[in-house]
Amino acid sequence: MEDTRLKVFYAVAVNLSFTKAASELCLSQPAVTKHIAYLENYYQVKLFERNGHNIKLTPAGTTFFLKTKKILSLYNELSYSMHLYNQKYIGRLRLGASTTIAQYILPKILAEFSKHYPKVDISLLTDNSENIEKALLNEEIDLGLVENVSRDSSLSYTPFLNDTLVAVISSKNEFLNKKLSLKNFTQTPLILRERGSGTLDTIVTALHKKRLTLQNLNVRMYLGSTEAIKRFLMHSDCLGIVSIYSVQDELLQETLKTVKIEGLEFKRQFCFVKPLGEHIEILDKFTEFFKNEVSHNFKL
């Protein structure tokens, strides 16, 4: 029932690309161009400024974008509310999750949610926590699931799971004890997650309480995913710091082992994040289902 031209305009405005919008909507680029031309002709305004392959919204385009966002959101809510009368849940969910949550928490829950609500269309963007928040502010997603300890004042955070970061090494590593003094820890070669990740945020916060910074550590490398860190550790004598949820299998199989660092703990919370004051009914259903699944399947 949604106006196709509004969906096309919205996709072009968000991506600032006719090509990306066409790919996202499974349309040809000429079809996308034709829809935008129709809107510009109908309202007798230019919605986009074109400079070669680069485009940007005109003042009229910006106004049109803000109104279109509200209209499409209302269409989504209308569809959701009307189908409830037939005990059907139909809608769209654009999720964004930090890497750790996307890899180790979300898969089982999304699978279960899809079984219960097969007509809800879900998309998932995976990136580090900082970029997920940026995607939310840029209106590219409806709900974020992040792991960082910092907070953006324009966003609302709701915790859904406690997490602990653990220091791990290869079980073949004979050079490190299972317990390190803080001084020995600062001298131990480390492999850490990249800047912008919630994991590194948590480490930095814990170090700050001990009047330490990353510069005080022997960081050999920053890697872009927990999986990359785990695989690296299998072939090195370095120490990694990752979520306890990410190494459950390796600890059971004894390919990795934990190391206690005296006087240092890495605690954090996984959180839902969304714009302040934003309310979308289908998101309420998802977060309610998600919290219930978390309480049954994830415990430290």
C-alpha atoms as a PDB file:
ATOM      1  CA  MET A   1       0.000   0.000   0.000  1.00  0.00           C
ATOM      2  CA  GLU A   2       3.023   2.274   0.384  1.00  0.00           C
ATOM      3  CA  ASP A   3       3.687   4.818  -2.346  1.00  0.00           C
ATOM      4  CA  THR A   4       6.475   3.289  -4.421  1.00  0.00           C
ATOM      5  CA  ARG A   5       7.799   6.692  -5.450  1.00  0.00           C
ATOM      6  CA  LEU A   6       8.237   7.724  -1.812  1.00  0.00           C
ATOM      7  CA  LYS A   7      10.154   4.511  -1.086  1.00  0.00           C
ATOM      8  CA  VAL A   8      12.383   5.143  -4.094  1.00  0.00           C
ATOM      9  CA  PHE A   9      13.010   8.762  -3.106  1.00  0.00           C
ATOM     10  CA  TYR A  10      13.801   7.718   0.484  1.00  0.00           C
ATOM     11  CA  ALA A  11      16.296   5.079  -0.668  1.00  0.00           C
ATOM     12  CA  VAL A  12      18.069   7.562  -2.950  1.00  0.00           C
ATOM     13  CA  ALA A  13      18.134  10.221  -0.200  1.00  0.00           C
ATOM     14  CA  VAL A  14      19.559   7.856   2.417  1.00  0.00           C
ATOM     15  CA  ASN A  15      22.182   6.351   0.083  1.00  0.00           C
ATOM     16  CA  LEU A  16      22.804   9.544  -1.909  1.00  0.00           C
ATOM     17  CA  SER A  17      23.132   7.218  -4.856  1.00  0.00           C
ATOM     18  CA  PHE A  18      20.738   6.133  -7.598  1.00  0.00           C
ATOM     19  CA  THR A  19      22.781   2.966  -8.117  1.00  0.00           C
ATOM     20  CA  LYS A  20      22.712   1.897  -4.458  1.00  0.00           C
ATOM     21  CA  ALA A  21      18.991   2.699  -4.202  1.00  0.00           C
ATOM     22  CA  ALA A  22      18.244   0.606  -7.290  1.00  0.00           C
ATOM     23  CA  SER A  23      20.197  -2.336  -5.840  1.00  0.00           C
ATOM     24  CA  GLU A  24      18.506  -2.020  -2.446  1.00  0.00           C
ATOM     25  CA  LEU A  25      15.019  -1.930  -3.982  1.00  0.00           C
ATOM     26  CA  CYS A  26      15.721  -4.526  -6.695  1.00  0.00           C
ATOM     27  CA  LEU A  27      14.858  -2.030  -9.421  1.00  0.00           C
ATOM     28  CA  SER A  28      16.701  -0.916 -12.529  1.00  0.00           C
ATOM     29  CA  GLN A  29      18.522   2.404 -12.318  1.00  0.00           C
ATOM     30  CA  PRO A  30      16.390   3.897 -15.152  1.00  0.00           C
ATOM     31  CA  ALA A  31      13.263   3.006 -13.127  1.00  0.00           C
ATOM     32  CA  VAL A  32      14.657   4.828 -10.084  1.00  0.00           C
ATOM     33  CA  THR A  33      15.547   7.858 -12.196  1.00  0.00           C
ATOM     34  CA  LYS A  34      12.050   7.859 -13.705  1.00  0.00           C
ATOM     35  CA  HIS A  35      10.374   7.875 -10.275  1.00  0.00           C
ATOM     36  CA  ILE A  36      12.521  10.782  -9.069  1.00  0.00           C
ATOM     37  CA  ALA A  37      11.851  12.707 -12.296  1.00  0.00           C
ATOM     38  CA  TYR A  38       8.103  12.201 -11.798  1.00  0.00           C
ATOM     39  CA  LEU A  39       8.249  13.635  -8.263  1.00  0.00           C
ATOM     40  CA  GLU A  40      10.330  16.625  -9.355  1.00  0.00           C
ATOM     41  CA  ASN A  41       7.950  17.310 -12.240  1.00  0.00           C
ATOM     42  CA  TYR A  42       4.849  16.873 -10.078  1.00  0.00           C
ATOM     43  CA  TYR A  43       6.026  19.299  -7.378  1.00  0.00           C
ATOM     44  CA  GLN A  44       7.933  21.532  -9.817  1.00  0.00           C
ATOM     45  CA  VAL A  45      11.084  21.515  -7.644  1.00  0.00           C
ATOM     46  CA  LYS A  46      14.509  19.934  -7.798  1.00  0.00           C
ATOM     47  CA  LEU A  47      14.943  17.360  -5.061  1.00  0.00           C
ATOM     48  CA  PHE A  48      18.590  16.542  -5.775  1.00  0.00           C
ATOM     49  CA  GLU A  49      21.592  18.527  -6.951  1.00  0.00           C
ATOM     50  CA  ARG A  50      23.619  16.470  -9.394  1.00  0.00           C
ATOM     51  CA  ASN A  51      27.352  16.921  -9.906  1.00  0.00           C
ATOM     52  CA  GLY A  52      28.620  14.089 -12.076  1.00  0.00           C
ATOM     53  CA  HIS A  53      28.181  10.884 -10.074  1.00  0.00           C
ATOM     54  CA  ASN A  54      27.676  12.812  -6.823  1.00  0.00           C
ATOM     55  CA  ILE A  55      24.274  13.964  -5.623  1.00  0.00           C
ATOM     56  CA  LYS A  56      22.974  15.810  -2.582  1.00  0.00           C
ATOM     57  CA  LEU A  57      19.579  16.956  -1.358  1.00  0.00           C
ATOM     58  CA  THR A  58      18.383  20.439  -2.253  1.00  0.00           C
ATOM     59  CA  PRO A  59      16.572  22.488   0.439  1.00  0.00           C
ATOM     60  CA  ALA A  60      13.296  21.251  -1.087  1.00  0.00           C
ATOM     61  CA  GLY A  61      14.692  17.721  -1.095  1.00  0.00           C
ATOM     62  CA  THR A  62      15.567  17.957   2.597  1.00  0.00           C
ATOM     63  CA  THR A  63      12.007  19.010   3.432  1.00  0.00           C
ATOM     64  CA  PHE A  64      10.649  16.216   1.246  1.00  0.00           C
ATOM     65  CA  PHE A  65      12.953  13.712   2.968  1.00  0.00           C
ATOM     66  CA  LEU A  66      11.786  14.639   6.490  1.00  0.00           C
ATOM     67  CA  LYS A  67       8.115  14.399   5.507  1.00  0.00           C
ATOM     68  CA  THR A  68       8.667  11.151   3.594  1.00  0.00           C
ATOM     69  CA  LYS A  69      10.362   9.563   6.609  1.00  0.00           C
ATOM     70  CA  LYS A  70       7.287  10.320   8.735  1.00  0.00           C
ATOM     71  CA  ILE A  71       4.893   9.044   6.073  1.00  0.00           C
ATOM     72  CA  LEU A  72       6.773   5.754   5.561  1.00  0.00           C
ATOM     73  CA  SER A  73       6.969   5.244   9.316  1.00  0.00           C
ATOM     74  CA  LEU A  74       3.196   5.758   9.562  1.00  0.00           C
ATOM     75  CA  TYR A  75       2.631   3.307   6.688  1.00  0.00           C
ATOM     76  CA  ASN A  76       4.687   0.746   8.593  1.00  0.00           C
ATOM     77  CA  GLU A  77       2.720   1.313  11.796  1.00  0.00           C
ATOM     78  CA  LEU A  78      -0.597   1.244   9.909  1.00  0.00           C
ATOM     79  CA  SER A  79       0.257  -2.087   8.290  1.00  0.00           C
ATOM     80  CA  TYR A  80       1.365  -3.520  11.626  1.00  0.00           C
ATOM     81  CA  SER A  81      -1.763  -2.342  13.499  1.00  0.00           C
ATOM     82  CA  MET A  82      -4.278  -3.443  10.858  1.00  0.00           C
ATOM     83  CA  HIS A  83      -2.826  -6.932  10.493  1.00  0.00           C
ATOM     84  CA  LEU A  84      -3.092  -7.471  14.242  1.00  0.00           C
ATOM     85  CA  TYR A  85      -6.855  -7.839  13.748  1.00  0.00           C
ATOM     86  CA  ASN A  86      -6.071 -11.060  11.883  1.00  0.00           C
ATOM     87  CA  GLN A  87      -3.471 -12.140  14.469  1.00  0.00           C
ATOM     88  CA  LYS A  88      -0.745 -11.396  11.942  1.00  0.00           C
ATOM     89  CA  TYR A  89       2.433  -9.474  12.603  1.00  0.00           C
ATOM     90  CA  ILE A  90       3.612  -7.720   9.453  1.00  0.00           C
ATOM     91  CA  GLY A  91       6.163  -4.952   9.321  1.00  0.00           C
ATOM     92  CA  ARG A  92       9.747  -3.944   8.687  1.00  0.00           C
ATOM     93  CA  LEU A  93      12.672  -4.007  11.113  1.00  0.00           C
ATOM     94  CA  ARG A  94      15.986  -2.405  10.219  1.00  0.00           C
ATOM     95  CA  LEU A  95      18.440  -3.529  12.882  1.00  0.00           C
ATOM     96  CA  GLY A  96      22.052  -2.634  13.466  1.00  0.00           C
ATOM     97  CA  ALA A  97      24.271  -4.618  15.816  1.00  0.00           C
ATOM     98  CA  SER A  98      27.835  -4.383  17.004  1.00  0.00           C
ATOM     99  CA  THR A  99      30.040  -7.212  15.823  1.00  0.00           C
ATOM    100  CA  THR A 100      30.098  -9.181  19.088  1.00  0.00           C
ATOM    101  CA  ILE A 101      26.312  -9.072  19.501  1.00  0.00           C
ATOM    102  CA  ALA A 102      25.697  -9.874  15.824  1.00  0.00           C
ATOM    103  CA  GLN A 103      27.975 -12.917  15.925  1.00  0.00           C
ATOM    104  CA  TYR A 104      27.315 -14.441  19.343  1.00  0.00           C
ATOM    105  CA  ILE A 105      23.939 -13.214  20.642  1.00  0.00           C
ATOM    106  CA  LEU A 106      21.660 -12.396  17.713  1.00  0.00           C
ATOM    107  CA  PRO A 107      21.678 -15.462  15.404  1.00  0.00           C
ATOM    108  CA  LYS A 108      19.681 -17.829  17.634  1.00  0.00           C
ATOM    109  CA  ILE A 109      17.246 -15.097  18.692  1.00  0.00           C
ATOM    110  CA  LEU A 110      16.638 -13.868  15.134  1.00  0.00           C
ATOM    111  CA  ALA A 111      16.014 -17.437  14.010  1.00  0.00           C
ATOM    112  CA  GLU A 112      13.404 -17.899  16.741  1.00  0.00           C
ATOM    113  CA  PHE A 113      11.811 -14.521  16.059  1.00  0.00           C
ATOM    114  CA  SER A 114      11.501 -15.367  12.358  1.00  0.00           C
ATOM    115  CA  LYS A 115       9.744 -18.639  13.219  1.00  0.00           C
ATOM    116  CA  HIS A 116       7.162 -16.781  15.325  1.00  0.00           C
ATOM    117  CA  TYR A 117       6.812 -13.755  13.025  1.00  0.00           C
ATOM    118  CA  PRO A 118       7.639 -14.941   9.479  1.00  0.00           C
ATOM    119  CA  LYS A 119       6.030 -11.925   7.800  1.00  0.00           C
ATOM    120  CA  VAL A 120       8.229  -9.362   9.561  1.00  0.00           C
ATOM    121  CA  ASP A 121      10.889  -8.218   7.107  1.00  0.00           C
ATOM    122  CA  ILE A 122      14.236  -7.937   8.947  1.00  0.00           C
ATOM    123  CA  SER A 123      17.501  -6.455   7.737  1.00  0.00           C
ATOM    124  CA  LEU A 124      20.700  -6.381   9.799  1.00  0.00           C
ATOM    125  CA  LEU A 125      23.670  -4.039   9.573  1.00  0.00           C
ATOM    126  CA  THR A 126      26.798  -5.267  11.377  1.00  0.00           C
ATOM    127  CA  ASP A 127      29.563  -2.871  12.426  1.00  0.00           C
ATOM    128  CA  ASN A 128      31.302  -1.647  15.551  1.00  0.00           C
ATOM    129  CA  SER A 129      29.246   0.198  18.191  1.00  0.00           C
ATOM    130  CA  GLU A 130      30.365   3.666  17.124  1.00  0.00           C
ATOM    131  CA  ASN A 131      29.283   3.127  13.516  1.00  0.00           C
ATOM    132  CA  ILE A 132      25.978   1.544  14.568  1.00  0.00           C
ATOM    133  CA  GLU A 133      25.151   4.715  16.496  1.00  0.00           C
ATOM    134  CA  LYS A 134      26.087   6.799  13.443  1.00  0.00           C
ATOM    135  CA  ALA A 135      23.782   4.664  11.280  1.00  0.00           C
ATOM    136  CA  LEU A 136      20.976   5.263  13.777  1.00  0.00           C
ATOM    137  CA  LEU A 137      21.528   9.027  13.753  1.00  0.00           C
ATOM    138  CA  ASN A 138      21.634   8.937   9.938  1.00  0.00           C
ATOM    139  CA  GLU A 139      18.259   7.102   9.977  1.00  0.00           C
ATOM    140  CA  GLU A 140      19.696   4.078   8.185  1.00  0.00           C
ATOM    141  CA  ILE A 141      18.376   1.709  10.891  1.00  0.00           C
ATOM    142  CA  ASP A 142      15.496   1.716  13.393  1.00  0.00           C
ATOM    143  CA  LEU A 143      17.164   0.013  16.355  1.00  0.00           C
ATOM    144  CA  GLY A 144      20.759  -0.559  17.409  1.00  0.00           C
ATOM    145  CA  LEU A 145      22.231  -3.198  19.698  1.00  0.00           C
ATOM    146  CA  VAL A 146      25.556  -1.968  21.039  1.00  0.00           C
ATOM    147  CA  GLU A 147      28.167  -2.793  23.626  1.00  0.00           C
ATOM    148  CA  ASN A 148      29.982   0.451  24.328  1.00  0.00           C
ATOM    149  CA  VAL A 149      30.177   2.225  27.660  1.00  0.00           C
ATOM    150  CA  SER A 150      30.006   5.755  26.212  1.00  0.00           C
ATOM    151  CA  ARG A 151      26.650   7.414  25.622  1.00  0.00           C
ATOM    152  CA  ASP A 152      25.367   9.835  22.976  1.00  0.00           C
ATOM    153  CA  SER A 153      22.990  12.363  24.578  1.00  0.00           C
ATOM    154  CA  SER A 154      20.658  12.312  21.560  1.00  0.00           C
ATOM    155  CA  LEU A 155      20.031   8.560  21.917  1.00  0.00           C
ATOM    156  CA  SER A 156      18.157   6.386  24.403  1.00  0.00           C
ATOM    157  CA  TYR A 157      19.865   3.275  25.861  1.00  0.00           C
ATOM    158  CA  THR A 158      18.154   0.256  27.444  1.00  0.00           C
ATOM    159  CA  PRO A 159      20.385  -2.540  28.854  1.00  0.00           C
ATOM    160  CA  PHE A 160      19.397  -6.106  27.978  1.00  0.00           C
ATOM    161  CA  LEU A 161      22.389  -8.257  29.010  1.00  0.00           C
ATOM    162  CA  ASN A 162      25.447  -8.030  31.271  1.00  0.00           C
ATOM    163  CA  ASP A 163      28.771  -9.010  29.758  1.00  0.00           C
ATOM    164  CA  THR A 164      32.291  -9.626  31.027  1.00  0.00           C
ATOM    165  CA  LEU A 165      35.430  -9.357  28.934  1.00  0.00           C
ATOM    166  CA  VAL A 166      37.995 -12.043  29.625  1.00  0.00           C
ATOM    167  CA  ALA A 167      41.700 -12.239  28.862  1.00  0.00           C
ATOM    168  CA  VAL A 168      42.438 -15.390  26.847  1.00  0.00           C
ATOM    169  CA  ILE A 169      45.468 -17.130  25.402  1.00  0.00           C
ATOM    170  CA  SER A 170      46.074 -20.244  23.372  1.00  0.00           C
ATOM    171  CA  SER A 171      46.086 -23.406  25.492  1.00  0.00           C
ATOM    172  CA  LYS A 172      49.440 -24.166  23.852  1.00  0.00           C
ATOM    173  CA  ASN A 173      50.907 -20.964  25.280  1.00  0.00           C
ATOM    174  CA  GLU A 174      53.493 -22.051  27.855  1.00  0.00           C
ATOM    175  CA  PHE A 175      54.907 -18.601  28.510  1.00  0.00           C
ATOM    176  CA  LEU A 176      52.006 -17.039  30.397  1.00  0.00           C
ATOM    177  CA  ASN A 177      50.677 -17.969  33.811  1.00  0.00           C
ATOM    178  CA  LYS A 178      46.951 -18.186  34.478  1.00  0.00           C
ATOM    179  CA  LYS A 179      47.346 -15.168  36.739  1.00  0.00           C
ATOM    180  CA  LEU A 180      49.137 -11.925  35.906  1.00  0.00           C
ATOM    181  CA  SER A 181      50.055  -8.969  38.063  1.00  0.00           C
ATOM    182  CA  LEU A 182      48.999  -5.610  36.682  1.00  0.00           C
ATOM    183  CA  LYS A 183      52.641  -4.798  35.939  1.00  0.00           C
ATOM    184  CA  ASN A 184      53.181  -8.057  34.036  1.00  0.00           C
ATOM    185  CA  PHE A 185      49.936  -7.460  32.128  1.00  0.00           C
ATOM    186  CA  THR A 186      51.202  -4.105  30.838  1.00  0.00           C
ATOM    187  CA  GLN A 187      54.273  -5.880  29.449  1.00  0.00           C
ATOM    188  CA  THR A 188      52.423  -8.792  27.835  1.00  0.00           C
ATOM    189  CA  PRO A 189      51.930  -8.623  24.028  1.00  0.00           C
ATOM    190  CA  LEU A 190      48.260  -7.897  23.316  1.00  0.00           C
ATOM    191  CA  ILE A 191      45.849  -8.254  20.399  1.00  0.00           C
ATOM    192  CA  LEU A 192      42.846  -5.926  20.802  1.00  0.00           C
ATOM    193  CA  ARG A 193      39.712  -4.899  18.905  1.00  0.00           C
ATOM    194  CA  GLU A 194      39.805  -1.823  16.698  1.00  0.00           C
ATOM    195  CA  ARG A 195      39.124   1.752  17.793  1.00  0.00           C
ATOM    196  CA  GLY A 196      35.403   2.514  17.775  1.00  0.00           C
ATOM    197  CA  SER A 197      34.525  -0.946  19.066  1.00  0.00           C
ATOM    198  CA  GLY A 198      32.601  -1.317  22.316  1.00  0.00           C
ATOM    199  CA  THR A 199      35.146  -3.891  23.464  1.00  0.00           C
ATOM    200  CA  LEU A 200      38.013  -1.410  23.271  1.00  0.00           C
ATOM    201  CA  ASP A 201      35.813   1.232  24.946  1.00  0.00           C
ATOM    202  CA  THR A 202      35.337  -1.099  27.914  1.00  0.00           C
ATOM    203  CA  ILE A 203      39.052  -1.865  28.156  1.00  0.00           C
ATOM    204  CA  VAL A 204      39.960   1.838  28.064  1.00  0.00           C
ATOM    205  CA  THR A 205      37.433   2.593  30.833  1.00  0.00           C
ATOM    206  CA  ALA A 206      38.805  -0.171  33.062  1.00  0.00           C
ATOM    207  CA  LEU A 207      42.380   1.000  32.462  1.00  0.00           C
ATOM    208  CA  HIS A 208      41.442   4.579  33.320  1.00  0.00           C
ATOM    209  CA  LYS A 209      40.364   3.453  36.807  1.00  0.00           C
ATOM    210  CA  LYS A 210      43.924   2.166  37.282  1.00  0.00           C
ATOM    211  CA  ARG A 211      45.396   5.395  35.854  1.00  0.00           C
ATOM    212  CA  LEU A 212      46.566   3.560  32.752  1.00  0.00           C
ATOM    213  CA  THR A 213      46.038   4.154  29.023  1.00  0.00           C
ATOM    214  CA  LEU A 214      46.510   2.059  25.911  1.00  0.00           C
ATOM    215  CA  GLN A 215      49.918   3.692  25.554  1.00  0.00           C
ATOM    216  CA  ASN A 216      50.979   1.914  28.759  1.00  0.00           C
ATOM    217  CA  LEU A 217      50.249  -1.482  27.186  1.00  0.00           C
ATOM    218  CA  ASN A 218      52.236  -3.632  24.781  1.00  0.00           C
ATOM    219  CA  VAL A 219      49.635  -3.655  21.986  1.00  0.00           C
ATOM    220  CA  ARG A 220      50.949  -5.579  19.015  1.00  0.00           C
ATOM    221  CA  MET A 221      47.890  -5.245  16.789  1.00  0.00           C
ATOM    222  CA  TYR A 222      44.288  -4.026  16.552  1.00  0.00           C
ATOM    223  CA  LEU A 223      41.943  -6.359  14.654  1.00  0.00           C
ATOM    224  CA  GLY A 224      38.456  -5.726  13.298  1.00  0.00           C
ATOM    225  CA  SER A 225      36.635  -8.743  14.724  1.00  0.00           C
ATOM    226  CA  THR A 226      36.644 -11.100  17.681  1.00  0.00           C
ATOM    227  CA  GLU A 227      36.898 -14.092  15.345  1.00  0.00           C
ATOM    228  CA  ALA A 228      40.099 -12.642  13.889  1.00  0.00           C
ATOM    229  CA  ILE A 229      41.521 -12.229  17.396  1.00  0.00           C
ATOM    230  CA  LYS A 230      40.663 -15.812  18.388  1.00  0.00           C
ATOM    231  CA  ARG A 231      42.246 -17.269  15.269  1.00  0.00           C
ATOM    232  CA  PHE A 232      45.334 -15.110  15.694  1.00  0.00           C
ATOM    233  CA  LEU A 233      45.765 -16.316  19.285  1.00  0.00           C
ATOM    234  CA  MET A 234      45.792 -19.938  18.107  1.00  0.00           C
ATOM    235  CA  HIS A 235      49.070 -19.208  16.307  1.00  0.00           C
ATOM    236  CA  SER A 236      50.770 -16.787  18.697  1.00  0.00           C
ATOM    237  CA  ASP A 237      51.874 -16.230  22.271  1.00  0.00           C
ATOM    238  CA  CYS A 238      49.832 -13.026  22.566  1.00  0.00           C
ATOM    239  CA  LEU A 239      46.967 -12.288  24.939  1.00  0.00           C
ATOM    240  CA  GLY A 240      43.520 -11.212  23.729  1.00  0.00           C
ATOM    241  CA  ILE A 241      40.598  -9.589  25.579  1.00  0.00           C
ATOM    242  CA  VAL A 242      37.134 -10.549  24.317  1.00  0.00           C
ATOM    243  CA  SER A 243      33.548 -11.133  25.457  1.00  0.00           C
ATOM    244  CA  ILE A 244      32.992 -14.260  27.541  1.00  0.00           C
ATOM    245  CA  TYR A 245      30.103 -15.112  25.201  1.00  0.00           C
ATOM    246  CA  SER A 246      32.480 -15.250  22.240  1.00  0.00           C
ATOM    247  CA  VAL A 247      34.759 -17.961  23.654  1.00  0.00           C
ATOM    248  CA  GLN A 248      32.333 -20.446  25.203  1.00  0.00           C
ATOM    249  CA  ASP A 249      33.111 -23.157  22.655  1.00  0.00           C
ATOM    250  CA  GLU A 250      36.879 -22.609  22.762  1.00  0.00           C
ATOM    251  CA  LEU A 251      36.959 -22.803  26.563  1.00  0.00           C
ATOM    252  CA  LEU A 252      34.926 -26.034  26.526  1.00  0.00           C
ATOM    253  CA  GLN A 253      37.160 -27.516  23.836  1.00  0.00           C
ATOM    254  CA  GLU A 254      40.223 -26.214  25.719  1.00  0.00           C
ATOM    255  CA  THR A 255      41.759 -24.557  22.687  1.00  0.00           C
ATOM    256  CA  LEU A 256      41.818 -21.268  24.624  1.00  0.00           C
ATOM    257  CA  LYS A 257      42.239 -20.638  28.334  1.00  0.00           C
ATOM    258  CA  THR A 258      41.523 -17.608  30.496  1.00  0.00           C
ATOM    259  CA  VAL A 259      44.067 -15.498  32.329  1.00  0.00           C
ATOM    260  CA  LYS A 260      43.239 -13.583  35.510  1.00  0.00           C
ATOM    261  CA  ILE A 261      44.642 -10.050  35.733  1.00  0.00           C
ATOM    262  CA  GLU A 262      45.029  -8.953  39.344  1.00  0.00           C
ATOM    263  CA  GLY A 263      42.981  -5.883  40.211  1.00  0.00           C
ATOM    264  CA  LEU A 264      41.493  -5.480  36.732  1.00  0.00           C
ATOM    265  CA  GLU A 265      37.937  -6.343  35.635  1.00  0.00           C
ATOM    266  CA  PHE A 266      36.172  -5.584  32.372  1.00  0.00           C
ATOM    267  CA  LYS A 267      32.403  -5.283  32.913  1.00  0.00           C
ATOM    268  CA  ARG A 268      29.829  -3.820  30.547  1.00  0.00           C
ATOM    269  CA  GLN A 269      26.207  -4.017  29.404  1.00  0.00           C
ATOM    270  CA  PHE A 270      24.783  -4.787  26.002  1.00  0.00           C
ATOM    271  CA  CYS A 271      22.099  -2.193  25.199  1.00  0.00           C
ATOM    272  CA  PHE A 272      19.270  -1.425  22.818  1.00  0.00           C
ATOM    273  CA  VAL A 273      19.750   2.071  21.437  1.00  0.00           C
ATOM    274  CA  LYS A 274      17.290   4.257  19.552  1.00  0.00           C
ATOM    275  CA  PRO A 275      16.538   7.974  19.064  1.00  0.00           C
ATOM    276  CA  LEU A 276      15.064   9.738  22.082  1.00  0.00           C
ATOM    277  CA  GLY A 277      11.264   9.665  22.136  1.00  0.00           C
ATOM    278  CA  GLU A 278      10.962   7.349  19.128  1.00  0.00           C
ATOM    279  CA  HIS A 279       8.208   4.738  19.369  1.00  0.00           C
ATOM    280  CA  ILE A 280       7.548   2.046  16.761  1.00  0.00           C
ATOM    281  CA  GLU A 281       5.139  -0.749  17.701  1.00  0.00           C
ATOM    282  CA  ILE A 282       6.960  -3.533  15.885  1.00  0.00           C
ATOM    283  CA  LEU A 283      10.157  -2.608  17.756  1.00  0.00           C
ATOM    284  CA  ASP A 284       8.339  -3.051  21.062  1.00  0.00           C
ATOM    285  CA  LYS A 285       7.305  -6.554  20.006  1.00  0.00           C
ATOM    286  CA  PHE A 286      10.868  -7.376  18.946  1.00  0.00           C
ATOM    287  CA  THR A 287      12.542  -6.045  22.104  1.00  0.00           C
ATOM    288  CA  GLU A 288      10.016  -7.857  24.319  1.00  0.00           C
ATOM    289  CA  PHE A 289      10.677 -11.138  22.479  1.00  0.00           C
ATOM    290  CA  PHE A 290      14.441 -10.509  22.515  1.00  0.00           C
ATOM    291  CA  LYS A 291      14.617  -9.906  26.277  1.00  0.00           C
ATOM    292  CA  ASN A 292      12.631 -13.069  26.953  1.00  0.00           C
ATOM    293  CA  GLU A 293      14.981 -15.149  24.776  1.00  0.00           C
ATOM    294  CA  VAL A 294      18.060 -13.588  26.382  1.00  0.00           C
ATOM    295  CA  SER A 295      16.832 -14.439  29.894  1.00  0.00           C
ATOM    296  CA  HIS A 296      16.441 -18.115  28.880  1.00  0.00           C
ATOM    297  CA  ASN A 297      19.559 -18.582  26.763  1.00  0.00           C
ATOM    298  CA  PHE A 298      22.329 -16.315  27.990  1.00  0.00           C
ATOM    299  CA  LYS A 299      23.675 -16.378  31.508  1.00  0.00           C
ATOM    300  CA  LEU A 300      27.170 -15.681  32.789  1.00  0.00           C
END
